Amino acid sequence: MPPAAPAPLDRVQSLANTLGADGDTDQLRTREDAAGWLRAAALLPAEAGLSNSEHGALLRLRESLRDVLAAHGDGREDAAAAERLTRALADGRIVVTVEPSSAVRLASAARASYSGLVAILAVDVAESAGAGTWPRLKACAAAGCGVAFYDDSATATATRCAAHA
């Protein structure tokens, strides 16, 4: 397993890495597998499950995330992947909240468990982008790998995970 990205980006990295390089290892393969992984990651309440449509949406979210991370790794922009990830994260129904102390934060307006977990991931991406760490989360470019890794190099130009460097 690659070194973890800094919080909260580590949660996004974990989701991306639920699919093994061989494609045979998929921790989200079934609705039950996905719900179990989400519960273990503290993204889904113990009593909640996933509908068929939510499971499909979760798989699309992971794939769009992996596509964006591949673009990060290649040092290129991928408008189509960015659009797919934007659509997938829209399920989180993010709102801006203002606290009495004038602190501002992103939160979910969603009531459903799936929308809530998407909101958590969307906020993780937004906070990481604000911290400058988001572009450093990449997919390994080595043939047959694709593992999500955090590029902590000084130049942020790594294209391969530690196993393939």
Protein backbone atom coordinates (compact mmCIF):
# COMPACT_ATOMS: atom_id res chain seq x y z
CA MET A 1 0.00 0.00 0.00
CA PRO A 2 1.40 3.43 -0.91
CA PRO A 3 2.10 6.01 1.80
CA ALA A 4 -1.05 7.85 2.76
CA ALA A 5 -1.79 11.33 1.53
CA PRO A 6 -2.26 13.94 4.24
CA ALA A 7 -5.74 14.23 5.77
CA PRO A 8 -8.34 14.73 4.49
CA LEU A 9 -6.99 13.64 1.09
CA ASP A 10 -6.15 10.20 2.52
CA ARG A 11 -9.87 9.32 2.48
CA VAL A 12 -10.07 10.15 -1.24
CA GLN A 13 -6.91 8.11 -1.88
CA SER A 14 -8.43 5.15 -0.05
CA LEU A 15 -11.54 5.26 -2.23
CA ALA A 16 -9.45 5.39 -5.40
CA ASN A 17 -7.45 2.38 -4.24
CA THR A 18 -10.47 0.14 -3.68
CA LEU A 19 -9.88 -1.23 -7.18
CA GLY A 20 -6.74 -3.31 -7.62
CA ALA A 21 -4.44 -2.93 -10.59
CA ASP A 22 -5.51 -6.32 -11.92
CA GLY A 23 -9.18 -5.30 -11.89
CA ASP A 24 -10.00 -8.54 -10.11
CA THR A 25 -9.60 -7.05 -6.65
CA ASP A 26 -12.55 -4.73 -6.13
CA GLN A 27 -13.56 -3.83 -2.60
CA LEU A 28 -16.74 -2.22 -3.97
CA ARG A 29 -17.74 -5.07 -6.32
CA THR A 30 -21.17 -5.67 -4.78
CA ARG A 31 -23.54 -3.39 -2.87
CA GLU A 32 -22.75 -5.36 0.28
CA ASP A 33 -18.98 -5.12 -0.27
CA ALA A 34 -19.27 -1.39 -0.91
CA ALA A 35 -21.43 -0.78 2.16
CA GLY A 36 -18.96 -2.73 4.28
CA TRP A 37 -16.01 -0.73 2.99
CA LEU A 38 -17.87 2.57 3.46
CA ARG A 39 -18.79 1.63 7.04
CA ALA A 40 -15.19 0.67 7.82
CA ALA A 41 -14.08 4.03 6.40
CA ALA A 42 -16.65 5.78 8.63
CA LEU A 43 -18.45 7.13 5.56
CA LEU A 44 -21.71 5.23 6.00
CA PRO A 45 -23.71 4.74 9.20
CA ALA A 46 -23.90 1.17 10.50
CA GLU A 47 -27.64 0.93 9.83
CA ALA A 48 -27.43 2.30 6.27
CA GLY A 49 -27.03 0.40 3.04
CA LEU A 50 -26.77 1.27 -0.64
CA SER A 51 -29.44 1.00 -3.29
CA ASN A 52 -28.55 -0.35 -6.73
CA SER A 53 -28.49 3.18 -8.14
CA GLU A 54 -26.30 4.45 -5.28
CA HIS A 55 -23.89 1.55 -5.80
CA GLY A 56 -23.68 2.40 -9.50
CA ALA A 57 -23.12 6.07 -8.66
CA LEU A 58 -20.34 5.12 -6.21
CA LEU A 59 -18.57 3.09 -8.89
CA ARG A 60 -18.86 6.02 -11.33
CA LEU A 61 -17.48 8.34 -8.64
CA ARG A 62 -14.48 6.08 -8.11
CA GLU A 63 -13.82 5.75 -11.85
CA SER A 64 -14.08 9.48 -12.47
CA LEU A 65 -11.76 10.08 -9.52
CA ARG A 66 -9.23 7.58 -10.89
CA ASP A 67 -9.41 9.27 -14.32
CA VAL A 68 -8.65 12.69 -12.79
CA LEU A 69 -5.77 11.19 -10.78
CA ALA A 70 -4.38 9.66 -13.99
CA ALA A 71 -4.42 13.15 -15.53
CA HIS A 72 -2.63 14.50 -12.43
CA GLY A 73 0.02 11.80 -12.88
CA ASP A 74 0.46 12.58 -16.55
CA GLY A 75 0.68 16.31 -15.89
CA ARG A 76 -2.21 17.01 -18.23
CA GLU A 77 -5.69 18.42 -18.08
CA ASP A 78 -8.60 16.11 -18.82
CA ALA A 79 -11.77 18.14 -19.21
CA ALA A 80 -13.99 15.09 -19.68
CA ALA A 81 -12.69 13.40 -16.51
CA ALA A 82 -13.03 16.64 -14.55
CA GLU A 83 -16.63 16.99 -15.74
CA ARG A 84 -17.46 13.40 -14.76
CA LEU A 85 -15.97 13.93 -11.29
CA THR A 86 -17.85 17.22 -10.94
CA ARG A 87 -21.13 15.46 -11.79
CA ALA A 88 -20.40 12.59 -9.39
CA LEU A 89 -19.57 14.96 -6.54
CA ALA A 90 -22.72 17.00 -7.18
CA ASP A 91 -24.67 14.21 -5.43
CA GLY A 92 -23.23 15.61 -2.20
CA ARG A 93 -25.40 18.75 -2.39
CA ILE A 94 -22.75 21.02 -0.87
CA VAL A 95 -23.70 24.30 0.78
CA VAL A 96 -21.63 27.03 2.40
CA THR A 97 -22.43 27.60 6.07
CA VAL A 98 -21.53 30.65 8.10
CA GLU A 99 -21.07 30.23 11.84
CA PRO A 100 -21.91 32.94 14.40
CA SER A 101 -18.14 33.42 14.80
CA SER A 102 -18.03 34.17 11.04
CA ALA A 103 -16.20 30.93 10.33
CA VAL A 104 -17.19 29.60 6.92
CA ARG A 105 -17.22 25.92 5.97
CA LEU A 106 -18.62 23.57 3.39
CA ALA A 107 -21.32 21.13 4.48
CA SER A 108 -23.92 18.82 3.01
CA ALA A 109 -27.55 19.80 2.60
CA ALA A 110 -28.33 16.14 1.94
CA ARG A 111 -30.43 13.98 4.20
CA ALA A 112 -29.65 10.62 2.57
CA SER A 113 -26.65 8.57 3.68
CA TYR A 114 -25.19 8.27 0.17
CA SER A 115 -25.41 11.99 -0.49
CA GLY A 116 -23.82 12.62 2.88
CA LEU A 117 -20.81 10.42 2.12
CA VAL A 118 -20.37 12.08 -1.27
CA ALA A 119 -20.46 15.45 0.49
CA ILE A 120 -17.68 14.34 2.84
CA LEU A 121 -15.53 13.34 -0.13
CA ALA A 122 -16.36 16.56 -2.01
CA VAL A 123 -15.35 18.64 1.00
CA ASP A 124 -12.14 16.58 1.29
CA VAL A 125 -11.30 17.39 -2.35
CA ALA A 126 -12.15 21.09 -1.91
CA GLU A 127 -10.11 21.44 1.28
CA SER A 128 -7.18 19.61 -0.31
CA ALA A 129 -7.35 21.86 -3.36
CA GLY A 130 -7.29 24.89 -1.07
CA ALA A 131 -4.26 23.46 0.74
CA GLY A 132 -2.48 22.75 -2.56
CA THR A 133 -2.33 18.99 -2.00
CA TRP A 134 -5.04 17.88 -4.47
CA PRO A 135 -2.81 17.96 -7.60
CA ARG A 136 -0.23 15.82 -5.76
CA LEU A 137 -2.65 12.88 -5.51
CA LYS A 138 -1.91 10.92 -8.66
CA ALA A 139 -2.43 7.54 -10.31
CA CYS A 140 0.75 5.59 -11.00
CA ALA A 141 1.58 5.65 -14.70
CA ALA A 142 3.38 2.28 -14.66
CA ALA A 143 1.73 -0.23 -16.98
CA GLY A 144 -0.88 -2.25 -15.12
CA CYS A 145 -0.58 -0.28 -11.86
CA GLY A 146 -2.81 2.79 -11.51
CA VAL A 147 -2.51 2.89 -7.71
CA ALA A 148 -3.33 6.28 -6.20
CA PHE A 149 -0.23 7.72 -4.56
CA TYR A 150 0.69 11.01 -2.95
CA ASP A 151 3.59 12.80 -4.62
CA ASP A 152 5.52 14.37 -1.78
CA SER A 153 8.59 15.09 -3.91
CA ALA A 154 9.96 18.64 -3.79
CA THR A 155 9.12 19.23 -7.46
CA ALA A 156 5.78 17.35 -7.46
CA THR A 157 6.74 15.71 -10.75
CA ALA A 158 6.60 12.02 -9.78
CA THR A 159 4.59 9.89 -12.18
CA ARG A 160 4.96 6.51 -10.51
CA CYS A 161 4.24 5.10 -7.08
CA ALA A 162 7.13 4.01 -4.85
CA ALA A 163 6.84 0.41 -6.07
CA HIS A 164 7.52 1.52 -9.66
CA ALA A 165 9.79 4.54 -9.17
